[in-house]
Amino acid sequence: MQIDQNLKRGSAELAILSILKSQALHGYEIAKRIEERTEGALTFDLASLYPLLYRMEQDKLLEAHWEQGSNQRRRRCYRLTAAGRRHLEPLRDQWHSLFVAIEKLSGPLNA
């Protein structure tokens, strides 16, 4: 099931921070991992992903560096900063609380 664009926009920061928690990745790999881990429910095209990455870098949640890819092309890799790590857990808690509240409103999914 594909998730509505507006909902996806709101969850992008959590998705990016969660993916980068374990290792630094470049933009294409971030998008690919999000899609794989969500079994295709969340997808981000690079045109919408990079502005988010740049904003998160400006907000000091991420830091970026250039590295040489195996095909000799340079690519920008992103990793979490200490501020990004501190921001992740409260953000996860907020989303969890939201999901619990929505489930209470909508009732059991198998009813």
PDB file of N, CA and C in Angstrom:
ATOM      1  N   MET A   1       0.851  -1.178   0.000  1.00  0.00           N
ATOM      2  CA  MET A   1       0.000   0.000   0.000  1.00  0.00           C
ATOM      3  C   MET A   1       0.894   1.237   0.000  1.00  0.00           C
ATOM      4  N   GLN A   2       0.678   2.130  -0.917  1.00  0.00           N
ATOM      5  CA  GLN A   2       1.452   3.367  -1.010  1.00  0.00           C
ATOM      6  C   GLN A   2       0.884   4.398  -0.037  1.00  0.00           C
ATOM      7  N   ILE A   3       1.754   5.107   0.637  1.00  0.00           N
ATOM      8  CA  ILE A   3       1.345   6.083   1.646  1.00  0.00           C
ATOM      9  C   ILE A   3       1.159   7.448   0.990  1.00  0.00           C
ATOM     10  N   ASP A   4       0.126   8.163   1.404  1.00  0.00           N
ATOM     11  CA  ASP A   4      -0.186   9.485   0.881  1.00  0.00           C
ATOM     12  C   ASP A   4       1.021  10.409   0.991  1.00  0.00           C
ATOM     13  N   GLN A   5       1.208  11.233  -0.020  1.00  0.00           N
ATOM     14  CA  GLN A   5       2.354  12.142  -0.108  1.00  0.00           C
ATOM     15  C   GLN A   5       2.467  13.062   1.116  1.00  0.00           C
ATOM     16  N   ASN A   6       1.354  13.588   1.603  1.00  0.00           N
ATOM     17  CA  ASN A   6       1.388  14.484   2.764  1.00  0.00           C
ATOM     18  C   ASN A   6       1.840  13.761   4.033  1.00  0.00           C
ATOM     19  N   LEU A   7       1.375  12.543   4.222  1.00  0.00           N
ATOM     20  CA  LEU A   7       1.818  11.758   5.374  1.00  0.00           C
ATOM     21  C   LEU A   7       3.297  11.424   5.267  1.00  0.00           C
ATOM     22  N   LYS A   8       3.706  11.083   4.055  1.00  0.00           N
ATOM     23  CA  LYS A   8       5.096  10.727   3.829  1.00  0.00           C
ATOM     24  C   LYS A   8       6.016  11.910   4.140  1.00  0.00           C
ATOM     25  N   ARG A   9       5.614  13.099   3.735  1.00  0.00           N
ATOM     26  CA  ARG A   9       6.417  14.297   3.994  1.00  0.00           C
ATOM     27  C   ARG A   9       6.658  14.478   5.487  1.00  0.00           C
ATOM     28  N   GLY A  10       5.623  14.235   6.282  1.00  0.00           N
ATOM     29  CA  GLY A  10       5.750  14.389   7.725  1.00  0.00           C
ATOM     30  C   GLY A  10       6.642  13.346   8.370  1.00  0.00           C
ATOM     31  N   SER A  11       6.746  12.182   7.766  1.00  0.00           N
ATOM     32  CA  SER A  11       7.540  11.101   8.344  1.00  0.00           C
ATOM     33  C   SER A  11       8.968  11.062   7.814  1.00  0.00           C
ATOM     34  N   ALA A  12       9.293  11.917   6.874  1.00  0.00           N
ATOM     35  CA  ALA A  12      10.596  11.854   6.211  1.00  0.00           C
ATOM     36  C   ALA A  12      11.757  12.036   7.176  1.00  0.00           C
ATOM     37  N   GLU A  13      11.646  12.990   8.078  1.00  0.00           N
ATOM     38  CA  GLU A  13      12.739  13.247   9.013  1.00  0.00           C
ATOM     39  C   GLU A  13      13.008  12.020   9.877  1.00  0.00           C
ATOM     40  N   LEU A  14      11.956  11.401  10.390  1.00  0.00           N
ATOM     41  CA  LEU A  14      12.125  10.191  11.193  1.00  0.00           C
ATOM     42  C   LEU A  14      12.757   9.075  10.363  1.00  0.00           C
ATOM     43  N   ALA A  15      12.294   8.902   9.138  1.00  0.00           N
ATOM     44  CA  ALA A  15      12.828   7.846   8.279  1.00  0.00           C
ATOM     45  C   ALA A  15      14.315   8.061   8.010  1.00  0.00           C
ATOM     46  N   ILE A  16      14.702   9.278   7.682  1.00  0.00           N
ATOM     47  CA  ILE A  16      16.100   9.570   7.371  1.00  0.00           C
ATOM     48  C   ILE A  16      16.985   9.383   8.600  1.00  0.00           C
ATOM     49  N   LEU A  17      16.573   9.938   9.725  1.00  0.00           N
ATOM     50  CA  LEU A  17      17.365   9.796  10.945  1.00  0.00           C
ATOM     51  C   LEU A  17      17.501   8.325  11.346  1.00  0.00           C
ATOM     52  N   SER A  18      16.435   7.561  11.203  1.00  0.00           N
ATOM     53  CA  SER A  18      16.470   6.138  11.568  1.00  0.00           C
ATOM     54  C   SER A  18      17.424   5.359  10.680  1.00  0.00           C
ATOM     55  N   ILE A  19      17.408   5.641   9.394  1.00  0.00           N
ATOM     56  CA  ILE A  19      18.282   4.938   8.450  1.00  0.00           C
ATOM     57  C   ILE A  19      19.746   5.283   8.710  1.00  0.00           C
ATOM     58  N   LEU A  20      20.005   6.538   9.039  1.00  0.00           N
ATOM     59  CA  LEU A  20      21.392   6.976   9.243  1.00  0.00           C
ATOM     60  C   LEU A  20      21.930   6.664  10.643  1.00  0.00           C
ATOM     61  N   LYS A  21      21.091   6.114  11.500  1.00  0.00           N
ATOM     62  CA  LYS A  21      21.525   5.823  12.876  1.00  0.00           C
ATOM     63  C   LYS A  21      22.711   4.860  12.896  1.00  0.00           C
ATOM     64  N   SER A  22      22.731   3.896  11.993  1.00  0.00           N
ATOM     65  CA  SER A  22      23.772   2.868  12.038  1.00  0.00           C
ATOM     66  C   SER A  22      24.988   3.158  11.163  1.00  0.00           C
ATOM     67  N   GLN A  23      24.828   3.973  10.106  1.00  0.00           N
ATOM     68  CA  GLN A  23      25.980   4.246   9.251  1.00  0.00           C
ATOM     69  C   GLN A  23      25.724   5.430   8.328  1.00  0.00           C
ATOM     70  N   ALA A  24      26.808   6.010   7.846  1.00  0.00           N
ATOM     71  CA  ALA A  24      26.729   7.105   6.880  1.00  0.00           C
ATOM     72  C   ALA A  24      26.375   6.537   5.507  1.00  0.00           C
ATOM     73  N   LEU A  25      25.520   7.253   4.788  1.00  0.00           N
ATOM     74  CA  LEU A  25      25.085   6.813   3.459  1.00  0.00           C
ATOM     75  C   LEU A  25      24.933   8.009   2.540  1.00  0.00           C
ATOM     76  N   HIS A  26      24.988   7.760   1.245  1.00  0.00           N
ATOM     77  CA  HIS A  26      24.701   8.823   0.282  1.00  0.00           C
ATOM     78  C   HIS A  26      23.212   8.806  -0.042  1.00  0.00           C
ATOM     79  N   GLY A  27      22.739   9.864  -0.667  1.00  0.00           N
ATOM     80  CA  GLY A  27      21.310  10.064  -0.878  1.00  0.00           C
ATOM     81  C   GLY A  27      20.586   8.904  -1.523  1.00  0.00           C
ATOM     82  N   TYR A  28      21.144   8.378  -2.628  1.00  0.00           N
ATOM     83  CA  TYR A  28      20.491   7.272  -3.320  1.00  0.00           C
ATOM     84  C   TYR A  28      20.346   6.071  -2.390  1.00  0.00           C
ATOM     85  N   GLU A  29      21.390   5.789  -1.612  1.00  0.00           N
ATOM     86  CA  GLU A  29      21.349   4.645  -0.698  1.00  0.00           C
ATOM     87  C   GLU A  29      20.342   4.874   0.425  1.00  0.00           C
ATOM     88  N   ILE A  30      20.204   6.107   0.895  1.00  0.00           N
ATOM     89  CA  ILE A  30      19.195   6.422   1.916  1.00  0.00           C
ATOM     90  C   ILE A  30      17.804   6.091   1.373  1.00  0.00           C
ATOM     91  N   ALA A  31      17.506   6.584   0.178  1.00  0.00           N
ATOM     92  CA  ALA A  31      16.193   6.334  -0.440  1.00  0.00           C
ATOM     93  C   ALA A  31      15.960   4.840  -0.634  1.00  0.00           C
ATOM     94  N   LYS A  32      16.981   4.139  -1.095  1.00  0.00           N
ATOM     95  CA  LYS A  32      16.877   2.695  -1.346  1.00  0.00           C
ATOM     96  C   LYS A  32      16.608   1.927  -0.049  1.00  0.00           C
ATOM     97  N   ARG A  33      17.328   2.264   1.007  1.00  0.00           N
ATOM     98  CA  ARG A  33      17.148   1.565   2.292  1.00  0.00           C
ATOM     99  C   ARG A  33      15.779   1.834   2.902  1.00  0.00           C
ATOM    100  N   ILE A  34      15.291   3.073   2.794  1.00  0.00           N
ATOM    101  CA  ILE A  34      13.955   3.387   3.303  1.00  0.00           C
ATOM    102  C   ILE A  34      12.922   2.539   2.575  1.00  0.00           C
ATOM    103  N   GLU A  35      13.042   2.482   1.261  1.00  0.00           N
ATOM    104  CA  GLU A  35      12.096   1.684   0.471  1.00  0.00           C
ATOM    105  C   GLU A  35      12.178   0.203   0.842  1.00  0.00           C
ATOM    106  N   GLU A  36      13.386  -0.325   0.997  1.00  0.00           N
ATOM    107  CA  GLU A  36      13.550  -1.742   1.355  1.00  0.00           C
ATOM    108  C   GLU A  36      12.978  -2.049   2.734  1.00  0.00           C
ATOM    109  N   ARG A  37      13.322  -1.234   3.722  1.00  0.00           N
ATOM    110  CA  ARG A  37      12.881  -1.500   5.099  1.00  0.00           C
ATOM    111  C   ARG A  37      11.385  -1.347   5.284  1.00  0.00           C
ATOM    112  N   THR A  38      10.756  -0.515   4.469  1.00  0.00           N
ATOM    113  CA  THR A  38       9.307  -0.329   4.577  1.00  0.00           C
ATOM    114  C   THR A  38       8.564  -1.183   3.550  1.00  0.00           C
ATOM    115  N   GLU A  39       9.293  -2.069   2.900  1.00  0.00           N
ATOM    116  CA  GLU A  39       8.721  -2.953   1.884  1.00  0.00           C
ATOM    117  C   GLU A  39       7.952  -2.163   0.829  1.00  0.00           C
ATOM    118  N   GLY A  40       8.516  -1.031   0.445  1.00  0.00           N
ATOM    119  CA  GLY A  40       7.940  -0.227  -0.619  1.00  0.00           C
ATOM    120  C   GLY A  40       6.849   0.737  -0.191  1.00  0.00           C
ATOM    121  N   ALA A  41       6.466   0.726   1.084  1.00  0.00           N
ATOM    122  CA  ALA A  41       5.391   1.616   1.545  1.00  0.00           C
ATOM    123  C   ALA A  41       5.848   3.072   1.525  1.00  0.00           C
ATOM    124  N   LEU A  42       7.110   3.319   1.842  1.00  0.00           N
ATOM    125  CA  LEU A  42       7.671   4.671   1.797  1.00  0.00           C
ATOM    126  C   LEU A  42       8.734   4.719   0.712  1.00  0.00           C
ATOM    127  N   THR A  43       8.548   5.616  -0.227  1.00  0.00           N
ATOM    128  CA  THR A  43       9.555   5.825  -1.262  1.00  0.00           C
ATOM    129  C   THR A  43       9.811   7.318  -1.385  1.00  0.00           C
ATOM    130  N   PHE A  44      11.053   7.667  -1.650  1.00  0.00           N
ATOM    131  CA  PHE A  44      11.436   9.059  -1.829  1.00  0.00           C
ATOM    132  C   PHE A  44      12.231   9.177  -3.115  1.00  0.00           C
ATOM    133  N   ASP A  45      11.783  10.073  -3.999  1.00  0.00           N
ATOM    134  CA  ASP A  45      12.614  10.317  -5.167  1.00  0.00           C
ATOM    135  C   ASP A  45      13.702  11.304  -4.752  1.00  0.00           C
ATOM    136  N   LEU A  46      14.800  11.266  -5.468  1.00  0.00           N
ATOM    137  CA  LEU A  46      15.959  12.073  -5.075  1.00  0.00           C
ATOM    138  C   LEU A  46      15.668  13.564  -5.133  1.00  0.00           C
ATOM    139  N   ALA A  47      14.779  13.979  -6.024  1.00  0.00           N
ATOM    140  CA  ALA A  47      14.441  15.404  -6.130  1.00  0.00           C
ATOM    141  C   ALA A  47      13.777  15.925  -4.861  1.00  0.00           C
ATOM    142  N   SER A  48      13.063  15.079  -4.150  1.00  0.00           N
ATOM    143  CA  SER A  48      12.443  15.515  -2.890  1.00  0.00           C
ATOM    144  C   SER A  48      13.320  15.188  -1.686  1.00  0.00           C
ATOM    145  N   LEU A  49      14.195  14.201  -1.817  1.00  0.00           N
ATOM    146  CA  LEU A  49      15.035  13.796  -0.698  1.00  0.00           C
ATOM    147  C   LEU A  49      16.155  14.793  -0.421  1.00  0.00           C
ATOM    148  N   TYR A  50      16.834  15.263  -1.460  1.00  0.00           N
ATOM    149  CA  TYR A  50      17.990  16.130  -1.233  1.00  0.00           C
ATOM    150  C   TYR A  50      17.650  17.444  -0.537  1.00  0.00           C
ATOM    151  N   PRO A  51      16.549  18.113  -0.851  1.00  0.00           N
ATOM    152  CA  PRO A  51      16.220  19.315  -0.072  1.00  0.00           C
ATOM    153  C   PRO A  51      16.036  19.016   1.421  1.00  0.00           C
ATOM    154  N   LEU A  52      15.477  17.857   1.747  1.00  0.00           N
ATOM    155  CA  LEU A  52      15.331  17.455   3.152  1.00  0.00           C
ATOM    156  C   LEU A  52      16.701  17.240   3.798  1.00  0.00           C
ATOM    157  N   LEU A  53      17.590  16.579   3.075  1.00  0.00           N
ATOM    158  CA  LEU A  53      18.928  16.343   3.601  1.00  0.00           C
ATOM    159  C   LEU A  53      19.663  17.665   3.830  1.00  0.00           C
ATOM    160  N   TYR A  54      19.548  18.587   2.896  1.00  0.00           N
ATOM    161  CA  TYR A  54      20.198  19.895   3.045  1.00  0.00           C
ATOM    162  C   TYR A  54      19.634  20.652   4.248  1.00  0.00           C
ATOM    163  N   ARG A  55      18.305  20.620   4.405  1.00  0.00           N
ATOM    164  CA  ARG A  55      17.694  21.307   5.548  1.00  0.00           C
ATOM    165  C   ARG A  55      18.150  20.681   6.861  1.00  0.00           C
ATOM    166  N   MET A  56      18.187  19.355   6.898  1.00  0.00           N
ATOM    167  CA  MET A  56      18.600  18.670   8.116  1.00  0.00           C
ATOM    168  C   MET A  56      20.076  18.936   8.419  1.00  0.00           C
ATOM    169  N   GLU A  57      20.869  19.131   7.372  1.00  0.00           N
ATOM    170  CA  GLU A  57      22.268  19.502   7.578  1.00  0.00           C
ATOM    171  C   GLU A  57      22.357  20.924   8.146  1.00  0.00           C
ATOM    172  N   GLN A  58      21.557  21.836   7.621  1.00  0.00           N
ATOM    173  CA  GLN A  58      21.532  23.208   8.148  1.00  0.00           C
ATOM    174  C   GLN A  58      21.068  23.237   9.598  1.00  0.00           C
ATOM    175  N   ASP A  59      20.143  22.338   9.942  1.00  0.00           N
ATOM    176  CA  ASP A  59      19.637  22.248  11.311  1.00  0.00           C
ATOM    177  C   ASP A  59      20.585  21.493  12.242  1.00  0.00           C
ATOM    178  N   LYS A  60      21.732  21.086  11.705  1.00  0.00           N
ATOM    179  CA  LYS A  60      22.782  20.395  12.476  1.00  0.00           C
ATOM    180  C   LYS A  60      22.388  18.998  12.943  1.00  0.00           C
ATOM    181  N   LEU A  61      21.378  18.408  12.286  1.00  0.00           N
ATOM    182  CA  LEU A  61      21.000  17.030  12.601  1.00  0.00           C
ATOM    183  C   LEU A  61      21.873  16.044  11.839  1.00  0.00           C
ATOM    184  N   LEU A  62      22.389  16.486  10.697  1.00  0.00           N
ATOM    185  CA  LEU A  62      23.262  15.676   9.844  1.00  0.00           C
ATOM    186  C   LEU A  62      24.509  16.464   9.521  1.00  0.00           C
ATOM    187  N   GLU A  63      25.561  15.736   9.183  1.00  0.00           N
ATOM    188  CA  GLU A  63      26.722  16.371   8.573  1.00  0.00           C
ATOM    189  C   GLU A  63      27.067  15.570   7.331  1.00  0.00           C
ATOM    190  N   ALA A  64      27.639  16.257   6.365  1.00  0.00           N
ATOM    191  CA  ALA A  64      27.904  15.624   5.078  1.00  0.00           C
ATOM    192  C   ALA A  64      29.367  15.787   4.699  1.00  0.00           C
ATOM    193  N   HIS A  65      29.837  14.841   3.919  1.00  0.00           N
ATOM    194  CA  HIS A  65      31.188  14.914   3.360  1.00  0.00           C
ATOM    195  C   HIS A  65      31.174  14.263   1.984  1.00  0.00           C
ATOM    196  N   TRP A  66      32.114  14.656   1.169  1.00  0.00           N
ATOM    197  CA  TRP A  66      32.233  14.089  -0.172  1.00  0.00           C
ATOM    198  C   TRP A  66      33.138  12.873  -0.127  1.00  0.00           C
ATOM    199  N   GLU A  67      32.766  11.843  -0.877  1.00  0.00           N
ATOM    200  CA  GLU A  67      33.632  10.673  -1.008  1.00  0.00           C
ATOM    201  C   GLU A  67      33.618  10.195  -2.448  1.00  0.00           C
ATOM    202  N   GLN A  68      34.642   9.464  -2.802  1.00  0.00           N
ATOM    203  CA  GLN A  68      34.774   8.934  -4.156  1.00  0.00           C
ATOM    204  C   GLN A  68      34.063   7.593  -4.224  1.00  0.00           C
ATOM    205  N   GLY A  69      33.120   7.452  -5.166  1.00  0.00           N
ATOM    206  CA  GLY A  69      32.425   6.188  -5.347  1.00  0.00           C
ATOM    207  C   GLY A  69      33.286   5.202  -6.116  1.00  0.00           C
ATOM    208  N   SER A  70      32.858   3.960  -6.199  1.00  0.00           N
ATOM    209  CA  SER A  70      33.625   2.927  -6.900  1.00  0.00           C
ATOM    210  C   SER A  70      33.753   3.234  -8.388  1.00  0.00           C
ATOM    211  N   ASN A  71      32.822   4.008  -8.925  1.00  0.00           N
ATOM    212  CA  ASN A  71      32.868   4.373 -10.342  1.00  0.00           C
ATOM    213  C   ASN A  71      33.596   5.702 -10.558  1.00  0.00           C
ATOM    214  N   GLN A  72      34.350   6.143  -9.536  1.00  0.00           N
ATOM    215  CA  GLN A  72      35.139   7.375  -9.573  1.00  0.00           C
ATOM    216  C   GLN A  72      34.313   8.652  -9.546  1.00  0.00           C
ATOM    217  N   ARG A  73      33.004   8.545  -9.348  1.00  0.00           N
ATOM    218  CA  ARG A  73      32.162   9.736  -9.202  1.00  0.00           C
ATOM    219  C   ARG A  73      32.118  10.128  -7.739  1.00  0.00           C
ATOM    220  N   ARG A  74      32.158  11.419  -7.515  1.00  0.00           N
ATOM    221  CA  ARG A  74      32.036  11.907  -6.139  1.00  0.00           C
ATOM    222  C   ARG A  74      30.576  11.874  -5.710  1.00  0.00           C
ATOM    223  N   ARG A  75      30.362  11.546  -4.470  1.00  0.00           N
ATOM    224  CA  ARG A  75      28.997  11.555  -3.930  1.00  0.00           C
ATOM    225  C   ARG A  75      29.049  12.080  -2.504  1.00  0.00           C
ATOM    226  N   ARG A  76      27.955  12.699  -2.116  1.00  0.00           N
ATOM    227  CA  ARG A  76      27.871  13.324  -0.799  1.00  0.00           C
ATOM    228  C   ARG A  76      27.263  12.321   0.172  1.00  0.00           C
ATOM    229  N   CYS A  77      27.986  12.017   1.237  1.00  0.00           N
ATOM    230  CA  CYS A  77      27.508  11.071   2.242  1.00  0.00           C
ATOM    231  C   CYS A  77      27.072  11.829   3.485  1.00  0.00           C
ATOM    232  N   TYR A  78      26.034  11.315   4.106  1.00  0.00           N
ATOM    233  CA  TYR A  78      25.440  11.956   5.281  1.00  0.00           C
ATOM    234  C   TYR A  78      25.544  11.026   6.475  1.00  0.00           C
ATOM    235  N   ARG A  79      25.745  11.627   7.636  1.00  0.00           N
ATOM    236  CA  ARG A  79      25.729  10.860   8.882  1.00  0.00           C
ATOM    237  C   ARG A  79      25.093  11.718   9.966  1.00  0.00           C
ATOM    238  N   LEU A  80      24.609  11.032  10.992  1.00  0.00           N
ATOM    239  CA  LEU A  80      23.979  11.731  12.115  1.00  0.00           C
ATOM    240  C   LEU A  80      25.022  12.482  12.929  1.00  0.00           C
ATOM    241  N   THR A  81      24.654  13.624  13.410  1.00  0.00           N
ATOM    242  CA  THR A  81      25.463  14.343  14.384  1.00  0.00           C
ATOM    243  C   THR A  81      24.979  13.931  15.773  1.00  0.00           C
ATOM    244  N   ALA A  82      25.662  14.408  16.785  1.00  0.00           N
ATOM    245  CA  ALA A  82      25.201  14.149  18.153  1.00  0.00           C
ATOM    246  C   ALA A  82      23.805  14.736  18.352  1.00  0.00           C
ATOM    247  N   ALA A  83      23.571  15.918  17.785  1.00  0.00           N
ATOM    248  CA  ALA A  83      22.238  16.541  17.890  1.00  0.00           C
ATOM    249  C   ALA A  83      21.195  15.691  17.176  1.00  0.00           C
ATOM    250  N   GLY A  84      21.558  15.100  16.046  1.00  0.00           N
ATOM    251  CA  GLY A  84      20.639  14.228  15.312  1.00  0.00           C
ATOM    252  C   GLY A  84      20.274  12.994  16.120  1.00  0.00           C
ATOM    253  N   ARG A  85      21.257  12.435  16.797  1.00  0.00           N
ATOM    254  CA  ARG A  85      20.995  11.260  17.647  1.00  0.00           C
ATOM    255  C   ARG A  85      20.072  11.625  18.808  1.00  0.00           C
ATOM    256  N   ARG A  86      20.302  12.778  19.415  1.00  0.00           N
ATOM    257  CA  ARG A  86      19.445  13.227  20.528  1.00  0.00           C
ATOM    258  C   ARG A  86      18.028  13.524  20.039  1.00  0.00           C
ATOM    259  N   HIS A  87      17.895  13.980  18.828  1.00  0.00           N
ATOM    260  CA  HIS A  87      16.594  14.336  18.254  1.00  0.00           C
ATOM    261  C   HIS A  87      15.770  13.102  17.877  1.00  0.00           C
ATOM    262  N   LEU A  88      16.444  12.012  17.553  1.00  0.00           N
ATOM    263  CA  LEU A  88      15.770  10.815  17.040  1.00  0.00           C
ATOM    264  C   LEU A  88      14.822  10.169  18.043  1.00  0.00           C
ATOM    265  N   GLU A  89      15.255   9.923  19.254  1.00  0.00           N
ATOM    266  CA  GLU A  89      14.410   9.197  20.224  1.00  0.00           C
ATOM    267  C   GLU A  89      13.123   9.947  20.571  1.00  0.00           C
ATOM    268  N   PRO A  90      13.188  11.252  20.896  1.00  0.00           N
ATOM    269  CA  PRO A  90      11.929  11.961  21.159  1.00  0.00           C
ATOM    270  C   PRO A  90      11.012  11.983  19.934  1.00  0.00           C
ATOM    271  N   LEU A  91      11.603  12.052  18.739  1.00  0.00           N
ATOM    272  CA  LEU A  91      10.808  12.040  17.515  1.00  0.00           C
ATOM    273  C   LEU A  91      10.107  10.691  17.351  1.00  0.00           C
ATOM    274  N   ARG A  92      10.823   9.609  17.620  1.00  0.00           N
ATOM    275  CA  ARG A  92      10.204   8.272  17.574  1.00  0.00           C
ATOM    276  C   ARG A  92       9.068   8.174  18.583  1.00  0.00           C
ATOM    277  N   ASP A  93       9.298   8.694  19.783  1.00  0.00           N
ATOM    278  CA  ASP A  93       8.261   8.658  20.820  1.00  0.00           C
ATOM    279  C   ASP A  93       7.014   9.434  20.387  1.00  0.00           C
ATOM    280  N   GLN A  94       7.221  10.593  19.761  1.00  0.00           N
ATOM    281  CA  GLN A  94       6.082  11.393  19.291  1.00  0.00           C
ATOM    282  C   GLN A  94       5.281  10.636  18.235  1.00  0.00           C
ATOM    283  N   TRP A  95       5.987  10.019  17.274  1.00  0.00           N
ATOM    284  CA  TRP A  95       5.282   9.268  16.238  1.00  0.00           C
ATOM    285  C   TRP A  95       4.551   8.062  16.831  1.00  0.00           C
ATOM    286  N   HIS A  96       5.174   7.398  17.778  1.00  0.00           N
ATOM    287  CA  HIS A  96       4.523   6.251  18.420  1.00  0.00           C
ATOM    288  C   HIS A  96       3.243   6.706  19.125  1.00  0.00           C
ATOM    289  N   SER A  97       3.316   7.821  19.842  1.00  0.00           N
ATOM    290  CA  SER A  97       2.129   8.353  20.532  1.00  0.00           C
ATOM    291  C   SER A  97       1.030   8.707  19.530  1.00  0.00           C
ATOM    292  N   LEU A  98       1.430   9.264  18.403  1.00  0.00           N
ATOM    293  CA  LEU A  98       0.456   9.595  17.358  1.00  0.00           C
ATOM    294  C   LEU A  98      -0.224   8.335  16.828  1.00  0.00           C
ATOM    295  N   PHE A  99       0.557   7.292  16.556  1.00  0.00           N
ATOM    296  CA  PHE A  99      -0.020   6.045  16.039  1.00  0.00           C
ATOM    297  C   PHE A  99      -0.979   5.412  17.041  1.00  0.00           C
ATOM    298  N   VAL A 100      -0.609   5.439  18.309  1.00  0.00           N
ATOM    299  CA  VAL A 100      -1.479   4.894  19.361  1.00  0.00           C
ATOM    300  C   VAL A 100      -2.782   5.680  19.407  1.00  0.00           C
ATOM    301  N   ALA A 101      -2.695   7.007  19.367  1.00  0.00           N
ATOM    302  CA  ALA A 101      -3.894   7.841  19.416  1.00  0.00           C
ATOM    303  C   ALA A 101      -4.796   7.587  18.205  1.00  0.00           C
ATOM    304  N   ILE A 102      -4.207   7.475  17.035  1.00  0.00           N
ATOM    305  CA  ILE A 102      -5.009   7.219  15.820  1.00  0.00           C
ATOM    306  C   ILE A 102      -5.664   5.862  15.894  1.00  0.00           C
ATOM    307  N   GLU A 103      -4.944   4.876  16.381  1.00  0.00           N
ATOM    308  CA  GLU A 103      -5.537   3.545  16.511  1.00  0.00           C
ATOM    309  C   GLU A 103      -6.711   3.557  17.474  1.00  0.00           C
ATOM    310  N   LYS A 104      -6.620   4.337  18.560  1.00  0.00           N
ATOM    311  CA  LYS A 104      -7.725   4.458  19.511  1.00  0.00           C
ATOM    312  C   LYS A 104      -8.941   5.091  18.840  1.00  0.00           C
ATOM    313  N   LEU A 105      -8.674   6.071  17.987  1.00  0.00           N
ATOM    314  CA  LEU A 105      -9.784   6.731  17.282  1.00  0.00           C
ATOM    315  C   LEU A 105     -10.436   5.842  16.250  1.00  0.00           C
ATOM    316  N   SER A 106      -9.626   5.106  15.529  1.00  0.00           N
ATOM    317  CA  SER A 106     -10.161   4.309  14.413  1.00  0.00           C
ATOM    318  C   SER A 106     -10.600   2.919  14.832  1.00  0.00           C
ATOM    319  N   GLY A 107     -10.232   2.477  16.010  1.00  0.00           N
ATOM    320  CA  GLY A 107     -10.625   1.143  16.473  1.00  0.00           C
ATOM    321  C   GLY A 107      -9.673   0.093  15.944  1.00  0.00           C
ATOM    322  N   PRO A 108      -9.881  -1.128  16.381  1.00  0.00           N
ATOM    323  CA  PRO A 108      -9.014  -2.233  15.931  1.00  0.00           C
ATOM    324  C   PRO A 108      -9.071  -2.371  14.412  1.00  0.00           C
ATOM    325  N   LEU A 109      -7.914  -2.681  13.840  1.00  0.00           N
ATOM    326  CA  LEU A 109      -7.847  -2.808  12.383  1.00  0.00           C
ATOM    327  C   LEU A 109      -8.608  -4.011  11.854  1.00  0.00           C
ATOM    328  N   ASN A 110      -8.784  -5.024  12.656  1.00  0.00           N
ATOM    329  CA  ASN A 110      -9.470  -6.232  12.173  1.00  0.00           C
ATOM    330  C   ASN A 110     -10.934  -6.305  12.607  1.00  0.00           C
ATOM    331  N   ALA A 111     -11.498  -5.206  13.036  1.00  0.00           N
ATOM    332  CA  ALA A 111     -12.890  -5.217  13.498  1.00  0.00           C
ATOM    333  C   ALA A 111     -13.861  -5.270  12.350  1.00  0.00           C
TER     334      ALA A 111
END
